[in-house]
């Protein structure tokens, strides 16, 4: 079966992955954003709301999943997190498969997956692109986010494979510790090489 080259785009929190994903999309490469798919399925009327509410009572409302309430139920509880992932991951996989089918005539697509290595997703892509920046840049970006605390950042950071390990395992690294123009040039060079 003919299908596009699948680029797995990943990077730790605050590395600029969303910015790079947008650059791929602007250049005409379709992007499947796993986080956006989850937000849609957990938003108002989202298809995952009944299952999440059943597993985590009180975690949803008219606006969909209440991320703070759900977060309190799964934060630092590996068993609870595993229950949530058992609901979310199969649904995301189905959305990703439908996306790939819808774009099967393209030369390439991007799967924007934050935990690509951590969840074994790197085995299902043709090329892994890691978005990376110096640690001090990452920390400054993340701590500037509304509602972010050092504790939250350290927790999220601890769940992710260290940036140096991601870089070692990447087929290609895009450095976002530079200007937006330099980052865009790296993306365009990569697209040209496909």
C-alpha atoms as a PDB file:
ATOM      1  CA  UNK A   1       0.000   0.000   0.000  1.00  0.00           C
ATOM      2  CA  UNK A   2       1.301   3.452  -0.838  1.00  0.00           C
ATOM      3  CA  UNK A   3       1.423   5.734   2.132  1.00  0.00           C
ATOM      4  CA  UNK A   4       3.259   8.896   3.100  1.00  0.00           C
ATOM      5  CA  UNK A   5       6.534   8.932   4.965  1.00  0.00           C
ATOM      6  CA  UNK A   6       5.593   9.260   8.642  1.00  0.00           C
ATOM      7  CA  UNK A   7       7.664  11.761  10.594  1.00  0.00           C
ATOM      8  CA  UNK A   8       7.402  11.327  14.355  1.00  0.00           C
ATOM      9  CA  UNK A   9       7.855  14.785  15.889  1.00  0.00           C
ATOM     10  CA  UNK A  10       8.675  14.864  19.570  1.00  0.00           C
ATOM     11  CA  UNK A  11      10.419  16.904  22.209  1.00  0.00           C
ATOM     12  CA  UNK A  12      10.207  17.490  25.915  1.00  0.00           C
ATOM     13  CA  UNK A  13       7.962  20.136  27.452  1.00  0.00           C
ATOM     14  CA  UNK A  14       8.956  23.681  26.507  1.00  0.00           C
ATOM     15  CA  UNK A  15      11.233  22.698  23.636  1.00  0.00           C
ATOM     16  CA  UNK A  16       9.150  24.391  20.918  1.00  0.00           C
ATOM     17  CA  UNK A  17       7.530  21.317  19.383  1.00  0.00           C
ATOM     18  CA  UNK A  18       4.209  23.067  18.741  1.00  0.00           C
ATOM     19  CA  UNK A  19       6.012  25.908  16.952  1.00  0.00           C
ATOM     20  CA  UNK A  20       7.903  23.425  14.771  1.00  0.00           C
ATOM     21  CA  UNK A  21       4.710  21.447  14.068  1.00  0.00           C
ATOM     22  CA  UNK A  22       3.067  24.681  12.883  1.00  0.00           C
ATOM     23  CA  UNK A  23       6.033  25.285  10.557  1.00  0.00           C
ATOM     24  CA  UNK A  24       5.538  21.832   8.991  1.00  0.00           C
ATOM     25  CA  UNK A  25       1.818  22.555   8.547  1.00  0.00           C
ATOM     26  CA  UNK A  26       2.518  25.972   6.984  1.00  0.00           C
ATOM     27  CA  UNK A  27       4.824  24.219   4.511  1.00  0.00           C
ATOM     28  CA  UNK A  28       1.983  21.912   3.450  1.00  0.00           C
ATOM     29  CA  UNK A  29       2.902  18.814   5.464  1.00  0.00           C
ATOM     30  CA  UNK A  30      -0.228  17.539   7.265  1.00  0.00           C
ATOM     31  CA  UNK A  31       0.231  17.342  11.042  1.00  0.00           C
ATOM     32  CA  UNK A  32      -1.618  15.036  13.416  1.00  0.00           C
ATOM     33  CA  UNK A  33      -1.475  16.642  16.864  1.00  0.00           C
ATOM     34  CA  UNK A  34      -2.064  13.930  19.470  1.00  0.00           C
ATOM     35  CA  UNK A  35      -2.619  16.482  22.257  1.00  0.00           C
ATOM     36  CA  UNK A  36      -5.190  18.404  20.192  1.00  0.00           C
ATOM     37  CA  UNK A  37      -7.019  15.151  19.438  1.00  0.00           C
ATOM     38  CA  UNK A  38      -7.147  14.367  23.157  1.00  0.00           C
ATOM     39  CA  UNK A  39      -8.407  17.871  23.991  1.00  0.00           C
ATOM     40  CA  UNK A  40     -11.191  17.535  21.408  1.00  0.00           C
ATOM     41  CA  UNK A  41     -12.236  14.111  22.702  1.00  0.00           C
ATOM     42  CA  UNK A  42     -12.204  15.446  26.284  1.00  0.00           C
ATOM     43  CA  UNK A  43     -13.894  18.777  25.501  1.00  0.00           C
ATOM     44  CA  UNK A  44     -17.599  19.631  25.627  1.00  0.00           C
ATOM     45  CA  UNK A  45     -19.547  16.664  24.249  1.00  0.00           C
ATOM     46  CA  UNK A  46     -16.296  14.770  23.646  1.00  0.00           C
ATOM     47  CA  UNK A  47     -16.511  11.068  22.980  1.00  0.00           C
ATOM     48  CA  UNK A  48     -14.271  10.133  25.928  1.00  0.00           C
ATOM     49  CA  UNK A  49     -16.269  12.036  28.571  1.00  0.00           C
ATOM     50  CA  UNK A  50     -18.521   9.116  29.639  1.00  0.00           C
ATOM     51  CA  UNK A  51     -15.624   6.673  30.070  1.00  0.00           C
ATOM     52  CA  UNK A  52     -13.469   9.210  31.938  1.00  0.00           C
ATOM     53  CA  UNK A  53     -16.331  10.193  34.248  1.00  0.00           C
ATOM     54  CA  UNK A  54     -17.037   6.514  34.976  1.00  0.00           C
ATOM     55  CA  UNK A  55     -13.374   5.857  35.836  1.00  0.00           C
ATOM     56  CA  UNK A  56     -12.794   9.177  37.636  1.00  0.00           C
ATOM     57  CA  UNK A  57     -16.098  10.392  39.151  1.00  0.00           C
ATOM     58  CA  UNK A  58     -16.410  14.163  39.403  1.00  0.00           C
ATOM     59  CA  UNK A  59     -13.685  14.827  36.837  1.00  0.00           C
ATOM     60  CA  UNK A  60     -15.999  16.083  34.093  1.00  0.00           C
ATOM     61  CA  UNK A  61     -18.689  18.715  33.659  1.00  0.00           C
ATOM     62  CA  UNK A  62     -20.526  20.679  30.964  1.00  0.00           C
ATOM     63  CA  UNK A  63     -17.201  21.933  29.590  1.00  0.00           C
ATOM     64  CA  UNK A  64     -15.830  18.396  29.312  1.00  0.00           C
ATOM     65  CA  UNK A  65     -12.958  17.120  31.407  1.00  0.00           C
ATOM     66  CA  UNK A  66     -12.013  19.411  34.259  1.00  0.00           C
ATOM     67  CA  UNK A  67      -8.252  19.095  33.862  1.00  0.00           C
ATOM     68  CA  UNK A  68      -7.547  20.287  37.415  1.00  0.00           C
ATOM     69  CA  UNK A  69      -9.946  17.777  38.987  1.00  0.00           C
ATOM     70  CA  UNK A  70      -8.728  14.957  36.781  1.00  0.00           C
ATOM     71  CA  UNK A  71      -5.147  15.998  37.431  1.00  0.00           C
ATOM     72  CA  UNK A  72      -5.690  15.740  41.194  1.00  0.00           C
ATOM     73  CA  UNK A  73      -6.969  12.193  40.715  1.00  0.00           C
ATOM     74  CA  UNK A  74      -4.045  11.007  38.563  1.00  0.00           C
ATOM     75  CA  UNK A  75      -1.156  13.268  39.660  1.00  0.00           C
ATOM     76  CA  UNK A  76       1.580  11.061  41.181  1.00  0.00           C
ATOM     77  CA  UNK A  77      -0.692   7.951  41.031  1.00  0.00           C
ATOM     78  CA  UNK A  78       0.757   5.552  38.443  1.00  0.00           C
ATOM     79  CA  UNK A  79      -2.201   3.146  38.608  1.00  0.00           C
ATOM     80  CA  UNK A  80      -4.706   5.959  38.031  1.00  0.00           C
ATOM     81  CA  UNK A  81      -2.598   7.336  35.177  1.00  0.00           C
ATOM     82  CA  UNK A  82      -2.516   3.862  33.602  1.00  0.00           C
ATOM     83  CA  UNK A  83      -6.342   3.659  33.832  1.00  0.00           C
ATOM     84  CA  UNK A  84      -6.645   7.036  32.120  1.00  0.00           C
ATOM     85  CA  UNK A  85      -4.168   6.054  29.402  1.00  0.00           C
ATOM     86  CA  UNK A  86      -6.115   2.827  28.755  1.00  0.00           C
ATOM     87  CA  UNK A  87      -9.103   5.024  27.896  1.00  0.00           C
ATOM     88  CA  UNK A  88      -7.279   7.703  25.922  1.00  0.00           C
ATOM     89  CA  UNK A  89      -4.550   5.883  23.953  1.00  0.00           C
ATOM     90  CA  UNK A  90      -6.758   3.521  21.889  1.00  0.00           C
ATOM     91  CA  UNK A  91      -8.994   6.455  20.937  1.00  0.00           C
ATOM     92  CA  UNK A  92      -5.986   8.525  19.847  1.00  0.00           C
ATOM     93  CA  UNK A  93      -4.640   5.580  17.832  1.00  0.00           C
ATOM     94  CA  UNK A  94      -7.955   5.342  15.973  1.00  0.00           C
ATOM     95  CA  UNK A  95      -7.891   9.092  15.192  1.00  0.00           C
ATOM     96  CA  UNK A  96      -4.285   8.803  13.997  1.00  0.00           C
ATOM     97  CA  UNK A  97      -5.162   5.887  11.693  1.00  0.00           C
ATOM     98  CA  UNK A  98      -8.058   7.870  10.212  1.00  0.00           C
ATOM     99  CA  UNK A  99      -5.753  10.878   9.694  1.00  0.00           C
ATOM    100  CA  UNK A 100      -3.200   8.707   7.891  1.00  0.00           C
ATOM    101  CA  UNK A 101      -5.911   7.257   5.657  1.00  0.00           C
ATOM    102  CA  UNK A 102      -7.212  10.763   4.838  1.00  0.00           C
ATOM    103  CA  UNK A 103      -3.707  11.872   3.792  1.00  0.00           C
ATOM    104  CA  UNK A 104      -2.459   8.690   2.116  1.00  0.00           C
ATOM    105  CA  UNK A 105      -1.739  10.574  -1.125  1.00  0.00           C
ATOM    106  CA  UNK A 106       0.728  12.991   0.538  1.00  0.00           C
ATOM    107  CA  UNK A 107       4.493  12.469   0.371  1.00  0.00           C
ATOM    108  CA  UNK A 108       4.842  12.975   4.130  1.00  0.00           C
ATOM    109  CA  UNK A 109       2.820  13.539   7.287  1.00  0.00           C
ATOM    110  CA  UNK A 110       3.861  14.522  10.787  1.00  0.00           C
ATOM    111  CA  UNK A 111       2.689  12.755  13.928  1.00  0.00           C
ATOM    112  CA  UNK A 112       3.175  15.308  16.730  1.00  0.00           C
ATOM    113  CA  UNK A 113       3.524  13.017  19.773  1.00  0.00           C
ATOM    114  CA  UNK A 114       4.988  14.404  23.003  1.00  0.00           C
ATOM    115  CA  UNK A 115       5.787  10.999  24.560  1.00  0.00           C
ATOM    116  CA  UNK A 116       6.911   9.287  21.341  1.00  0.00           C
ATOM    117  CA  UNK A 117       9.822   7.376  22.888  1.00  0.00           C
ATOM    118  CA  UNK A 118       8.229   6.930  26.308  1.00  0.00           C
ATOM    119  CA  UNK A 119       5.204   5.123  24.819  1.00  0.00           C
ATOM    120  CA  UNK A 120       7.021   3.191  22.072  1.00  0.00           C
ATOM    121  CA  UNK A 121       5.519   5.259  19.245  1.00  0.00           C
ATOM    122  CA  UNK A 122       8.920   5.678  17.600  1.00  0.00           C
ATOM    123  CA  UNK A 123       8.560   2.113  16.290  1.00  0.00           C
ATOM    124  CA  UNK A 124       5.547   3.125  14.166  1.00  0.00           C
ATOM    125  CA  UNK A 125       7.168   6.037  12.310  1.00  0.00           C
ATOM    126  CA  UNK A 126       9.679   6.219   9.475  1.00  0.00           C
ATOM    127  CA  UNK A 127      11.759   9.071  10.878  1.00  0.00           C
ATOM    128  CA  UNK A 128      12.045  10.630  14.337  1.00  0.00           C
ATOM    129  CA  UNK A 129      12.553  14.382  14.576  1.00  0.00           C
ATOM    130  CA  UNK A 130      13.395  15.698  18.030  1.00  0.00           C
ATOM    131  CA  UNK A 131      12.847  19.360  18.866  1.00  0.00           C
ATOM    132  CA  UNK A 132      15.412  20.519  21.396  1.00  0.00           C
ATOM    133  CA  UNK A 133      16.711  23.614  23.142  1.00  0.00           C
ATOM    134  CA  UNK A 134      19.171  24.255  25.956  1.00  0.00           C
ATOM    135  CA  UNK A 135      17.816  23.306  29.395  1.00  0.00           C
ATOM    136  CA  UNK A 136      17.782  26.889  30.687  1.00  0.00           C
ATOM    137  CA  UNK A 137      15.691  27.965  27.663  1.00  0.00           C
ATOM    138  CA  UNK A 138      13.298  25.069  28.264  1.00  0.00           C
ATOM    139  CA  UNK A 139      12.884  25.910  31.962  1.00  0.00           C
ATOM    140  CA  UNK A 140      12.286  29.619  31.270  1.00  0.00           C
ATOM    141  CA  UNK A 141       9.676  28.834  28.592  1.00  0.00           C
ATOM    142  CA  UNK A 142       7.764  26.381  30.776  1.00  0.00           C
ATOM    143  CA  UNK A 143       7.801  28.464  33.952  1.00  0.00           C
ATOM    144  CA  UNK A 144       6.439  31.425  31.952  1.00  0.00           C
ATOM    145  CA  UNK A 145       3.256  29.446  31.198  1.00  0.00           C
ATOM    146  CA  UNK A 146       0.116  30.471  33.124  1.00  0.00           C
ATOM    147  CA  UNK A 147      -0.498  28.232  36.130  1.00  0.00           C
ATOM    148  CA  UNK A 148       2.848  26.448  35.840  1.00  0.00           C
ATOM    149  CA  UNK A 149       4.780  25.818  39.031  1.00  0.00           C
ATOM    150  CA  UNK A 150       8.269  24.432  39.582  1.00  0.00           C
ATOM    151  CA  UNK A 151       6.676  21.318  41.141  1.00  0.00           C
ATOM    152  CA  UNK A 152       4.463  20.730  38.087  1.00  0.00           C
ATOM    153  CA  UNK A 153       7.382  21.303  35.738  1.00  0.00           C
ATOM    154  CA  UNK A 154       9.631  18.892  37.655  1.00  0.00           C
ATOM    155  CA  UNK A 155       6.860  16.265  37.688  1.00  0.00           C
ATOM    156  CA  UNK A 156       6.235  16.522  33.928  1.00  0.00           C
ATOM    157  CA  UNK A 157       9.968  16.685  33.246  1.00  0.00           C
ATOM    158  CA  UNK A 158      10.434  13.519  35.328  1.00  0.00           C
ATOM    159  CA  UNK A 159       7.904  11.593  33.228  1.00  0.00           C
ATOM    160  CA  UNK A 160       9.775  12.392  30.023  1.00  0.00           C
ATOM    161  CA  UNK A 161      12.897  10.767  28.670  1.00  0.00           C
ATOM    162  CA  UNK A 162      15.801  13.180  29.147  1.00  0.00           C
ATOM    163  CA  UNK A 163      16.434  15.458  26.175  1.00  0.00           C
ATOM    164  CA  UNK A 164      19.967  14.101  25.658  1.00  0.00           C
ATOM    165  CA  UNK A 165      18.554  10.567  25.241  1.00  0.00           C
ATOM    166  CA  UNK A 166      15.954  11.810  22.750  1.00  0.00           C
ATOM    167  CA  UNK A 167      18.651  13.586  20.761  1.00  0.00           C
ATOM    168  CA  UNK A 168      20.771  10.411  20.671  1.00  0.00           C
ATOM    169  CA  UNK A 169      17.843   8.380  19.316  1.00  0.00           C
ATOM    170  CA  UNK A 170      16.659  10.975  16.792  1.00  0.00           C
ATOM    171  CA  UNK A 171      17.079  10.698  13.044  1.00  0.00           C
ATOM    172  CA  UNK A 172      17.074  14.495  12.963  1.00  0.00           C
ATOM    173  CA  UNK A 173      17.293  17.214  15.643  1.00  0.00           C
ATOM    174  CA  UNK A 174      15.796  20.677  15.230  1.00  0.00           C
ATOM    175  CA  UNK A 175      17.399  23.197  17.577  1.00  0.00           C
ATOM    176  CA  UNK A 176      14.874  25.771  18.783  1.00  0.00           C
ATOM    177  CA  UNK A 177      17.308  27.570  21.046  1.00  0.00           C
ATOM    178  CA  UNK A 178      17.895  29.864  18.069  1.00  0.00           C
ATOM    179  CA  UNK A 179      15.751  32.483  16.321  1.00  0.00           C
ATOM    180  CA  UNK A 180      12.417  31.559  14.727  1.00  0.00           C
ATOM    181  CA  UNK A 181      13.968  32.238  11.314  1.00  0.00           C
ATOM    182  CA  UNK A 182      16.804  29.794  12.002  1.00  0.00           C
ATOM    183  CA  UNK A 183      14.352  27.179  13.283  1.00  0.00           C
ATOM    184  CA  UNK A 184      12.178  27.617  10.178  1.00  0.00           C
ATOM    185  CA  UNK A 185      15.245  27.206   7.957  1.00  0.00           C
ATOM    186  CA  UNK A 186      16.027  23.888   9.684  1.00  0.00           C
ATOM    187  CA  UNK A 187      12.438  22.701   9.078  1.00  0.00           C
ATOM    188  CA  UNK A 188      12.542  23.747   5.421  1.00  0.00           C
ATOM    189  CA  UNK A 189      15.897  21.973   4.931  1.00  0.00           C
ATOM    190  CA  UNK A 190      14.451  18.807   6.411  1.00  0.00           C
ATOM    191  CA  UNK A 191      11.360  18.984   4.179  1.00  0.00           C
ATOM    192  CA  UNK A 192      13.571  19.527   1.121  1.00  0.00           C
ATOM    193  CA  UNK A 193      15.547  16.388   2.012  1.00  0.00           C
ATOM    194  CA  UNK A 194      12.465  14.138   2.094  1.00  0.00           C
END
